[in-house]
């Protein structure tokens, strides 16, 4: 057979040079002949047959396998799941949201993975109660002269000038400072409003826990004491707002005394008034 160049073949069959090159690669052409390779060219390689039993095959049903291997199976050595793998996690939603490099968040996530809904609610109640107490510390008003003055902005005068080289420059000259002044009565009103909303939410959460928790749950007593403290604070807020007359204020005081913690109930739960068994 007469040897032909790619260019000659392309002209003979009226195709492009790239087409001829693709023929060579596809059919395994070389200088010795057209089909001298052991394997003829094709567009796809033959796929290996899948190993193992077919789908739903029951050949191994009831077979425990080799329970005492001579050397020990080492197929999985070095092929275990990486550190902090999510294989055993119920769902990976939080892990997709929280960055993996946040060590504190990941430790907290591992702790709450095993909590039941009632324990989660109890934790949120304690956290809400802490925030209420902490807000009182932060927003406390010492007296009627306790006001807050805060710089909120500065007005500038822009002066345009030129340097010796002719470049334009802009100077910012402060001409007026803007302040926000919050009087003591305003701060007190904000505190009372925020406390009222927060305690209403906390009361609802405690009521929900009371519905879900077991009757013998020791956490009920702590929440009962917390509820009494909320009632007391609400009464104080009402008095500070001036919405109560003398008769109602006296009724509130009687209610607080009547709902004081019962020592017998404390003893029944914890074994002793002082918390000793």
C-alpha atoms as a PDB file:
ATOM      1  CA  UNK A   1       0.000   0.000   0.000  1.00  0.00           C
ATOM      2  CA  UNK A   2       1.343   3.382  -0.975  1.00  0.00           C
ATOM      3  CA  UNK A   3       2.084   5.583   1.988  1.00  0.00           C
ATOM      4  CA  UNK A   4       0.084   8.796   1.979  1.00  0.00           C
ATOM      5  CA  UNK A   5       0.438  11.910   4.013  1.00  0.00           C
ATOM      6  CA  UNK A   6      -2.426  13.330   6.064  1.00  0.00           C
ATOM      7  CA  UNK A   7      -2.710  16.176   3.595  1.00  0.00           C
ATOM      8  CA  UNK A   8      -3.068  13.750   0.647  1.00  0.00           C
ATOM      9  CA  UNK A   9      -5.756  11.758   2.418  1.00  0.00           C
ATOM     10  CA  UNK A  10      -7.663  14.934   3.254  1.00  0.00           C
ATOM     11  CA  UNK A  11      -7.600  16.077  -0.383  1.00  0.00           C
ATOM     12  CA  UNK A  12      -8.582  12.635  -1.665  1.00  0.00           C
ATOM     13  CA  UNK A  13     -11.647  12.320   0.539  1.00  0.00           C
ATOM     14  CA  UNK A  14     -12.451  16.024   0.602  1.00  0.00           C
ATOM     15  CA  UNK A  15     -12.221  16.382   4.389  1.00  0.00           C
ATOM     16  CA  UNK A  16     -10.249  18.620   6.696  1.00  0.00           C
ATOM     17  CA  UNK A  17      -6.813  17.798   8.012  1.00  0.00           C
ATOM     18  CA  UNK A  18      -8.167  17.622  11.590  1.00  0.00           C
ATOM     19  CA  UNK A  19     -10.689  15.003  10.494  1.00  0.00           C
ATOM     20  CA  UNK A  20      -7.893  12.809   9.158  1.00  0.00           C
ATOM     21  CA  UNK A  21      -5.983  13.186  12.423  1.00  0.00           C
ATOM     22  CA  UNK A  22      -9.059  12.132  14.362  1.00  0.00           C
ATOM     23  CA  UNK A  23      -9.319   9.039  12.111  1.00  0.00           C
ATOM     24  CA  UNK A  24      -5.745   8.146  13.004  1.00  0.00           C
ATOM     25  CA  UNK A  25      -6.402   8.431  16.708  1.00  0.00           C
ATOM     26  CA  UNK A  26      -9.727   6.607  16.534  1.00  0.00           C
ATOM     27  CA  UNK A  27      -8.563   3.662  14.403  1.00  0.00           C
ATOM     28  CA  UNK A  28      -5.042   3.338  15.744  1.00  0.00           C
ATOM     29  CA  UNK A  29      -3.152   4.132  12.527  1.00  0.00           C
ATOM     30  CA  UNK A  30       0.623   4.064  12.579  1.00  0.00           C
ATOM     31  CA  UNK A  31       3.490   3.875  10.101  1.00  0.00           C
ATOM     32  CA  UNK A  32       3.363   0.050   9.956  1.00  0.00           C
ATOM     33  CA  UNK A  33      -0.195  -0.132   8.718  1.00  0.00           C
ATOM     34  CA  UNK A  34      -3.762   0.725   9.419  1.00  0.00           C
ATOM     35  CA  UNK A  35      -4.627  -1.921  12.040  1.00  0.00           C
ATOM     36  CA  UNK A  36      -1.374  -3.241  13.439  1.00  0.00           C
ATOM     37  CA  UNK A  37      -2.180  -2.567  17.094  1.00  0.00           C
ATOM     38  CA  UNK A  38      -3.297  -5.538  19.143  1.00  0.00           C
ATOM     39  CA  UNK A  39      -6.499  -3.738  20.014  1.00  0.00           C
ATOM     40  CA  UNK A  40      -8.428  -2.066  17.248  1.00  0.00           C
ATOM     41  CA  UNK A  41      -9.423   1.505  17.852  1.00  0.00           C
ATOM     42  CA  UNK A  42     -12.912   2.357  19.054  1.00  0.00           C
ATOM     43  CA  UNK A  43     -14.622   5.354  20.535  1.00  0.00           C
ATOM     44  CA  UNK A  44     -15.243   3.779  23.956  1.00  0.00           C
ATOM     45  CA  UNK A  45     -13.297   1.313  26.037  1.00  0.00           C
ATOM     46  CA  UNK A  46     -15.035  -1.815  27.160  1.00  0.00           C
ATOM     47  CA  UNK A  47     -16.350  -1.327  30.676  1.00  0.00           C
ATOM     48  CA  UNK A  48     -15.296  -3.938  33.249  1.00  0.00           C
ATOM     49  CA  UNK A  49     -18.025  -6.159  34.558  1.00  0.00           C
ATOM     50  CA  UNK A  50     -19.346  -5.318  37.995  1.00  0.00           C
ATOM     51  CA  UNK A  51     -18.251  -7.649  40.745  1.00  0.00           C
ATOM     52  CA  UNK A  52     -20.363  -9.012  43.560  1.00  0.00           C
ATOM     53  CA  UNK A  53     -23.824 -10.492  43.882  1.00  0.00           C
ATOM     54  CA  UNK A  54     -26.758  -8.887  42.074  1.00  0.00           C
ATOM     55  CA  UNK A  55     -29.140  -6.475  43.776  1.00  0.00           C
ATOM     56  CA  UNK A  56     -31.187  -8.024  46.661  1.00  0.00           C
ATOM     57  CA  UNK A  57     -29.169 -11.238  46.522  1.00  0.00           C
ATOM     58  CA  UNK A  58     -29.572 -13.227  49.771  1.00  0.00           C
ATOM     59  CA  UNK A  59     -26.571 -15.558  49.505  1.00  0.00           C
ATOM     60  CA  UNK A  60     -24.938 -14.071  52.610  1.00  0.00           C
ATOM     61  CA  UNK A  61     -28.106 -13.940  54.731  1.00  0.00           C
ATOM     62  CA  UNK A  62     -27.382 -15.341  58.207  1.00  0.00           C
ATOM     63  CA  UNK A  63     -23.655 -15.647  57.545  1.00  0.00           C
ATOM     64  CA  UNK A  64     -21.673 -13.946  60.304  1.00  0.00           C
ATOM     65  CA  UNK A  65     -18.469 -14.129  58.332  1.00  0.00           C
ATOM     66  CA  UNK A  66     -15.078 -15.036  59.732  1.00  0.00           C
ATOM     67  CA  UNK A  67     -15.348 -14.204  63.426  1.00  0.00           C
ATOM     68  CA  UNK A  68     -11.742 -15.180  64.142  1.00  0.00           C
ATOM     69  CA  UNK A  69      -9.531 -14.174  61.212  1.00  0.00           C
ATOM     70  CA  UNK A  70      -5.958 -15.432  61.311  1.00  0.00           C
ATOM     71  CA  UNK A  71      -4.250 -12.169  60.560  1.00  0.00           C
ATOM     72  CA  UNK A  72      -7.045  -9.680  61.133  1.00  0.00           C
ATOM     73  CA  UNK A  73      -8.775  -7.692  58.422  1.00  0.00           C
ATOM     74  CA  UNK A  74      -6.906  -4.548  57.508  1.00  0.00           C
ATOM     75  CA  UNK A  75      -8.947  -3.377  54.545  1.00  0.00           C
ATOM     76  CA  UNK A  76     -10.158  -0.277  56.374  1.00  0.00           C
ATOM     77  CA  UNK A  77      -6.823   0.720  57.894  1.00  0.00           C
ATOM     78  CA  UNK A  78      -6.091   4.287  56.917  1.00  0.00           C
ATOM     79  CA  UNK A  79      -9.463   4.632  55.216  1.00  0.00           C
ATOM     80  CA  UNK A  80     -11.589   5.748  58.160  1.00  0.00           C
ATOM     81  CA  UNK A  81     -13.726   8.861  58.200  1.00  0.00           C
ATOM     82  CA  UNK A  82     -11.813  12.124  58.668  1.00  0.00           C
ATOM     83  CA  UNK A  83     -11.877  14.081  61.900  1.00  0.00           C
ATOM     84  CA  UNK A  84     -15.252  15.717  62.681  1.00  0.00           C
ATOM     85  CA  UNK A  85     -16.956  13.587  60.044  1.00  0.00           C
ATOM     86  CA  UNK A  86     -20.738  14.043  59.885  1.00  0.00           C
ATOM     87  CA  UNK A  87     -21.610  10.383  59.183  1.00  0.00           C
ATOM     88  CA  UNK A  88     -23.193   9.849  62.599  1.00  0.00           C
ATOM     89  CA  UNK A  89     -24.923  13.222  62.809  1.00  0.00           C
ATOM     90  CA  UNK A  90     -28.715  13.158  62.612  1.00  0.00           C
ATOM     91  CA  UNK A  91     -28.717  15.941  60.066  1.00  0.00           C
ATOM     92  CA  UNK A  92     -25.960  18.197  58.805  1.00  0.00           C
ATOM     93  CA  UNK A  93     -28.008  21.397  58.526  1.00  0.00           C
ATOM     94  CA  UNK A  94     -26.223  23.253  61.338  1.00  0.00           C
ATOM     95  CA  UNK A  95     -22.817  22.026  60.187  1.00  0.00           C
ATOM     96  CA  UNK A  96     -23.484  23.449  56.739  1.00  0.00           C
ATOM     97  CA  UNK A  97     -24.328  26.840  58.254  1.00  0.00           C
ATOM     98  CA  UNK A  98     -21.671  27.046  60.980  1.00  0.00           C
ATOM     99  CA  UNK A  99     -18.057  27.369  59.752  1.00  0.00           C
ATOM    100  CA  UNK A 100     -16.044  24.228  60.471  1.00  0.00           C
ATOM    101  CA  UNK A 101     -13.102  26.271  61.791  1.00  0.00           C
ATOM    102  CA  UNK A 102     -15.211  27.753  64.619  1.00  0.00           C
ATOM    103  CA  UNK A 103     -14.086  25.409  67.393  1.00  0.00           C
ATOM    104  CA  UNK A 104     -16.338  26.888  70.096  1.00  0.00           C
ATOM    105  CA  UNK A 105     -19.423  26.660  67.893  1.00  0.00           C
ATOM    106  CA  UNK A 106     -18.647  23.080  66.878  1.00  0.00           C
ATOM    107  CA  UNK A 107     -18.204  22.006  70.514  1.00  0.00           C
ATOM    108  CA  UNK A 108     -21.519  23.635  71.405  1.00  0.00           C
ATOM    109  CA  UNK A 109     -23.180  21.903  68.467  1.00  0.00           C
ATOM    110  CA  UNK A 110     -21.913  18.519  69.634  1.00  0.00           C
ATOM    111  CA  UNK A 111     -23.417  19.168  73.071  1.00  0.00           C
ATOM    112  CA  UNK A 112     -26.886  20.082  71.821  1.00  0.00           C
ATOM    113  CA  UNK A 113     -27.029  17.182  69.350  1.00  0.00           C
ATOM    114  CA  UNK A 114     -28.001  14.830  72.191  1.00  0.00           C
ATOM    115  CA  UNK A 115     -30.469  17.148  73.969  1.00  0.00           C
ATOM    116  CA  UNK A 116     -34.172  16.426  73.909  1.00  0.00           C
ATOM    117  CA  UNK A 117     -36.707  19.220  73.169  1.00  0.00           C
ATOM    118  CA  UNK A 118     -37.641  19.685  76.849  1.00  0.00           C
ATOM    119  CA  UNK A 119     -33.995  20.133  77.854  1.00  0.00           C
ATOM    120  CA  UNK A 120     -33.522  22.615  75.018  1.00  0.00           C
ATOM    121  CA  UNK A 121     -36.541  24.595  76.228  1.00  0.00           C
ATOM    122  CA  UNK A 122     -35.209  24.558  79.786  1.00  0.00           C
ATOM    123  CA  UNK A 123     -31.839  25.859  78.591  1.00  0.00           C
ATOM    124  CA  UNK A 124     -33.512  28.661  76.632  1.00  0.00           C
ATOM    125  CA  UNK A 125     -35.583  29.619  79.695  1.00  0.00           C
ATOM    126  CA  UNK A 126     -32.448  29.944  81.824  1.00  0.00           C
ATOM    127  CA  UNK A 127     -30.724  31.943  79.100  1.00  0.00           C
ATOM    128  CA  UNK A 128     -33.724  34.269  78.780  1.00  0.00           C
ATOM    129  CA  UNK A 129     -33.806  34.776  82.535  1.00  0.00           C
ATOM    130  CA  UNK A 130     -30.087  35.569  82.546  1.00  0.00           C
ATOM    131  CA  UNK A 131     -30.585  38.168  79.807  1.00  0.00           C
ATOM    132  CA  UNK A 132     -33.332  39.837  81.837  1.00  0.00           C
ATOM    133  CA  UNK A 133     -31.123  40.108  84.904  1.00  0.00           C
ATOM    134  CA  UNK A 134     -28.141  41.238  82.855  1.00  0.00           C
ATOM    135  CA  UNK A 135     -30.164  43.938  81.092  1.00  0.00           C
ATOM    136  CA  UNK A 136     -31.159  45.345  84.482  1.00  0.00           C
ATOM    137  CA  UNK A 137     -27.485  45.650  85.380  1.00  0.00           C
ATOM    138  CA  UNK A 138     -26.575  47.305  82.079  1.00  0.00           C
ATOM    139  CA  UNK A 139     -29.555  49.675  81.870  1.00  0.00           C
ATOM    140  CA  UNK A 140     -29.751  50.553  85.567  1.00  0.00           C
ATOM    141  CA  UNK A 141     -30.613  54.214  86.244  1.00  0.00           C
ATOM    142  CA  UNK A 142     -28.889  55.533  89.378  1.00  0.00           C
ATOM    143  CA  UNK A 143     -30.947  58.691  89.972  1.00  0.00           C
ATOM    144  CA  UNK A 144     -32.865  61.477  88.218  1.00  0.00           C
ATOM    145  CA  UNK A 145     -29.589  63.127  87.167  1.00  0.00           C
ATOM    146  CA  UNK A 146     -28.332  59.970  85.443  1.00  0.00           C
ATOM    147  CA  UNK A 147     -28.435  60.979  81.791  1.00  0.00           C
ATOM    148  CA  UNK A 148     -26.497  59.711  78.795  1.00  0.00           C
ATOM    149  CA  UNK A 149     -24.826  61.998  76.262  1.00  0.00           C
ATOM    150  CA  UNK A 150     -23.618  60.331  73.077  1.00  0.00           C
ATOM    151  CA  UNK A 151     -21.848  61.797  70.062  1.00  0.00           C
ATOM    152  CA  UNK A 152     -23.836  60.778  66.982  1.00  0.00           C
ATOM    153  CA  UNK A 153     -22.244  62.843  64.219  1.00  0.00           C
ATOM    154  CA  UNK A 154     -19.984  65.690  63.147  1.00  0.00           C
ATOM    155  CA  UNK A 155     -20.647  68.286  60.466  1.00  0.00           C
ATOM    156  CA  UNK A 156     -17.666  69.298  58.358  1.00  0.00           C
ATOM    157  CA  UNK A 157     -16.870  72.306  56.213  1.00  0.00           C
ATOM    158  CA  UNK A 158     -15.062  71.350  53.000  1.00  0.00           C
ATOM    159  CA  UNK A 159     -12.335  73.752  51.936  1.00  0.00           C
ATOM    160  CA  UNK A 160     -10.865  73.343  48.469  1.00  0.00           C
ATOM    161  CA  UNK A 161      -7.270  74.393  47.972  1.00  0.00           C
ATOM    162  CA  UNK A 162      -4.271  73.786  45.736  1.00  0.00           C
ATOM    163  CA  UNK A 163      -0.740  72.732  46.507  1.00  0.00           C
ATOM    164  CA  UNK A 164       2.375  74.448  45.189  1.00  0.00           C
ATOM    165  CA  UNK A 165       2.431  71.880  42.390  1.00  0.00           C
ATOM    166  CA  UNK A 166      -1.096  72.784  41.376  1.00  0.00           C
ATOM    167  CA  UNK A 167      -2.775  69.640  42.721  1.00  0.00           C
ATOM    168  CA  UNK A 168      -6.238  70.129  44.185  1.00  0.00           C
ATOM    169  CA  UNK A 169      -6.781  69.143  47.825  1.00  0.00           C
ATOM    170  CA  UNK A 170      -9.824  69.091  50.076  1.00  0.00           C
ATOM    171  CA  UNK A 171      -9.616  69.908  53.775  1.00  0.00           C
ATOM    172  CA  UNK A 172     -12.340  68.727  56.176  1.00  0.00           C
ATOM    173  CA  UNK A 173     -12.871  71.256  58.952  1.00  0.00           C
ATOM    174  CA  UNK A 174     -15.243  70.208  61.790  1.00  0.00           C
ATOM    175  CA  UNK A 175     -17.754  72.961  62.484  1.00  0.00           C
ATOM    176  CA  UNK A 176     -20.490  71.276  64.541  1.00  0.00           C
ATOM    177  CA  UNK A 177     -20.871  68.189  66.736  1.00  0.00           C
ATOM    178  CA  UNK A 178     -24.212  66.406  66.991  1.00  0.00           C
ATOM    179  CA  UNK A 179     -25.196  64.840  70.296  1.00  0.00           C
ATOM    180  CA  UNK A 180     -28.018  62.597  71.489  1.00  0.00           C
ATOM    181  CA  UNK A 181     -29.002  63.165  75.097  1.00  0.00           C
ATOM    182  CA  UNK A 182     -31.131  60.598  76.904  1.00  0.00           C
ATOM    183  CA  UNK A 183     -32.629  61.779  80.149  1.00  0.00           C
ATOM    184  CA  UNK A 184     -32.989  59.559  83.203  1.00  0.00           C
ATOM    185  CA  UNK A 185     -36.746  59.164  82.816  1.00  0.00           C
ATOM    186  CA  UNK A 186     -36.296  58.104  79.177  1.00  0.00           C
ATOM    187  CA  UNK A 187     -33.731  55.476  80.140  1.00  0.00           C
ATOM    188  CA  UNK A 188     -35.987  54.195  82.908  1.00  0.00           C
ATOM    189  CA  UNK A 189     -38.962  53.961  80.535  1.00  0.00           C
ATOM    190  CA  UNK A 190     -36.919  52.019  77.975  1.00  0.00           C
ATOM    191  CA  UNK A 191     -35.760  49.620  80.679  1.00  0.00           C
ATOM    192  CA  UNK A 192     -39.280  48.998  81.946  1.00  0.00           C
ATOM    193  CA  UNK A 193     -40.662  48.436  78.446  1.00  0.00           C
ATOM    194  CA  UNK A 194     -37.933  45.980  77.509  1.00  0.00           C
ATOM    195  CA  UNK A 195     -38.306  44.117  80.803  1.00  0.00           C
ATOM    196  CA  UNK A 196     -42.061  43.868  80.369  1.00  0.00           C
ATOM    197  CA  UNK A 197     -41.746  42.322  76.907  1.00  0.00           C
ATOM    198  CA  UNK A 198     -38.959  39.963  77.943  1.00  0.00           C
ATOM    199  CA  UNK A 199     -40.806  38.734  81.025  1.00  0.00           C
ATOM    200  CA  UNK A 200     -43.982  38.086  79.042  1.00  0.00           C
ATOM    201  CA  UNK A 201     -41.974  35.889  76.689  1.00  0.00           C
ATOM    202  CA  UNK A 202     -40.308  34.133  79.618  1.00  0.00           C
ATOM    203  CA  UNK A 203     -43.678  33.477  81.270  1.00  0.00           C
ATOM    204  CA  UNK A 204     -44.947  31.807  78.091  1.00  0.00           C
ATOM    205  CA  UNK A 205     -41.823  29.645  77.873  1.00  0.00           C
ATOM    206  CA  UNK A 206     -42.214  28.513  81.496  1.00  0.00           C
ATOM    207  CA  UNK A 207     -45.879  27.666  80.912  1.00  0.00           C
ATOM    208  CA  UNK A 208     -44.888  25.603  77.892  1.00  0.00           C
ATOM    209  CA  UNK A 209     -42.264  23.724  79.913  1.00  0.00           C
ATOM    210  CA  UNK A 210     -44.849  23.043  82.618  1.00  0.00           C
ATOM    211  CA  UNK A 211     -47.064  21.398  79.996  1.00  0.00           C
ATOM    212  CA  UNK A 212     -44.326  19.190  78.546  1.00  0.00           C
ATOM    213  CA  UNK A 213     -42.209  18.233  81.566  1.00  0.00           C
ATOM    214  CA  UNK A 214     -42.872  15.236  83.784  1.00  0.00           C
ATOM    215  CA  UNK A 215     -44.665  15.892  87.073  1.00  0.00           C
ATOM    216  CA  UNK A 216     -41.610  14.747  89.085  1.00  0.00           C
ATOM    217  CA  UNK A 217     -39.123  16.855  87.136  1.00  0.00           C
ATOM    218  CA  UNK A 218     -36.955  18.679  89.702  1.00  0.00           C
ATOM    219  CA  UNK A 219     -36.519  21.576  87.329  1.00  0.00           C
ATOM    220  CA  UNK A 220     -40.139  22.551  87.950  1.00  0.00           C
ATOM    221  CA  UNK A 221     -39.248  24.013  91.364  1.00  0.00           C
ATOM    222  CA  UNK A 222     -36.539  26.256  89.947  1.00  0.00           C
ATOM    223  CA  UNK A 223     -38.936  27.523  87.302  1.00  0.00           C
ATOM    224  CA  UNK A 224     -41.596  28.086  89.945  1.00  0.00           C
ATOM    225  CA  UNK A 225     -39.205  30.318  91.874  1.00  0.00           C
ATOM    226  CA  UNK A 226     -38.353  32.059  88.635  1.00  0.00           C
ATOM    227  CA  UNK A 227     -42.054  32.647  87.922  1.00  0.00           C
ATOM    228  CA  UNK A 228     -42.560  34.211  91.341  1.00  0.00           C
ATOM    229  CA  UNK A 229     -39.649  36.541  90.697  1.00  0.00           C
ATOM    230  CA  UNK A 230     -41.249  37.539  87.391  1.00  0.00           C
ATOM    231  CA  UNK A 231     -44.547  38.308  89.130  1.00  0.00           C
ATOM    232  CA  UNK A 232     -42.691  40.447  91.640  1.00  0.00           C
ATOM    233  CA  UNK A 233     -40.842  42.375  88.949  1.00  0.00           C
ATOM    234  CA  UNK A 234     -44.055  42.956  87.005  1.00  0.00           C
ATOM    235  CA  UNK A 235     -45.648  44.356  90.145  1.00  0.00           C
ATOM    236  CA  UNK A 236     -42.666  46.659  90.680  1.00  0.00           C
ATOM    237  CA  UNK A 237     -42.883  47.867  87.092  1.00  0.00           C
ATOM    238  CA  UNK A 238     -46.584  48.586  87.504  1.00  0.00           C
ATOM    239  CA  UNK A 239     -45.914  50.614  90.643  1.00  0.00           C
ATOM    240  CA  UNK A 240     -43.069  52.542  88.989  1.00  0.00           C
ATOM    241  CA  UNK A 241     -45.315  53.367  86.053  1.00  0.00           C
ATOM    242  CA  UNK A 242     -47.852  54.820  88.466  1.00  0.00           C
ATOM    243  CA  UNK A 243     -50.698  52.637  87.230  1.00  0.00           C
ATOM    244  CA  UNK A 244     -51.632  51.274  90.653  1.00  0.00           C
ATOM    245  CA  UNK A 245     -53.534  52.860  93.498  1.00  0.00           C
ATOM    246  CA  UNK A 246     -52.898  52.042  97.159  1.00  0.00           C
ATOM    247  CA  UNK A 247     -55.494  49.261  97.335  1.00  0.00           C
ATOM    248  CA  UNK A 248     -54.082  47.429  94.314  1.00  0.00           C
ATOM    249  CA  UNK A 249     -50.516  47.810  95.554  1.00  0.00           C
ATOM    250  CA  UNK A 250     -51.532  46.245  98.864  1.00  0.00           C
ATOM    251  CA  UNK A 251     -53.263  43.409  97.007  1.00  0.00           C
ATOM    252  CA  UNK A 252     -50.112  42.763  95.008  1.00  0.00           C
ATOM    253  CA  UNK A 253     -48.075  42.584  98.207  1.00  0.00           C
ATOM    254  CA  UNK A 254     -50.544  40.101  99.708  1.00  0.00           C
ATOM    255  CA  UNK A 255     -50.313  37.994  96.565  1.00  0.00           C
ATOM    256  CA  UNK A 256     -46.515  37.915  96.710  1.00  0.00           C
ATOM    257  CA  UNK A 257     -46.598  36.783 100.338  1.00  0.00           C
ATOM    258  CA  UNK A 258     -49.203  34.118  99.576  1.00  0.00           C
ATOM    259  CA  UNK A 259     -47.190  32.693  96.684  1.00  0.00           C
ATOM    260  CA  UNK A 260     -43.871  32.512  98.521  1.00  0.00           C
ATOM    261  CA  UNK A 261     -41.989  29.187  98.038  1.00  0.00           C
ATOM    262  CA  UNK A 262     -43.368  26.386 100.198  1.00  0.00           C
ATOM    263  CA  UNK A 263     -40.589  24.866 102.394  1.00  0.00           C
ATOM    264  CA  UNK A 264     -42.387  21.500 102.451  1.00  0.00           C
ATOM    265  CA  UNK A 265     -42.464  21.423  98.662  1.00  0.00           C
ATOM    266  CA  UNK A 266     -38.760  22.228  98.514  1.00  0.00           C
ATOM    267  CA  UNK A 267     -38.084  19.409 100.973  1.00  0.00           C
ATOM    268  CA  UNK A 268     -40.220  16.987  98.945  1.00  0.00           C
ATOM    269  CA  UNK A 269     -38.207  17.710  95.813  1.00  0.00           C
ATOM    270  CA  UNK A 270     -34.668  18.028  97.165  1.00  0.00           C
ATOM    271  CA  UNK A 271     -34.954  16.060 100.423  1.00  0.00           C
ATOM    272  CA  UNK A 272     -34.140  19.007 102.676  1.00  0.00           C
ATOM    273  CA  UNK A 273     -34.749  22.747 102.829  1.00  0.00           C
ATOM    274  CA  UNK A 274     -31.017  23.381 102.603  1.00  0.00           C
ATOM    275  CA  UNK A 275     -30.709  21.055  99.611  1.00  0.00           C
ATOM    276  CA  UNK A 276     -29.273  18.148 101.634  1.00  0.00           C
ATOM    277  CA  UNK A 277     -30.507  14.589 101.117  1.00  0.00           C
END
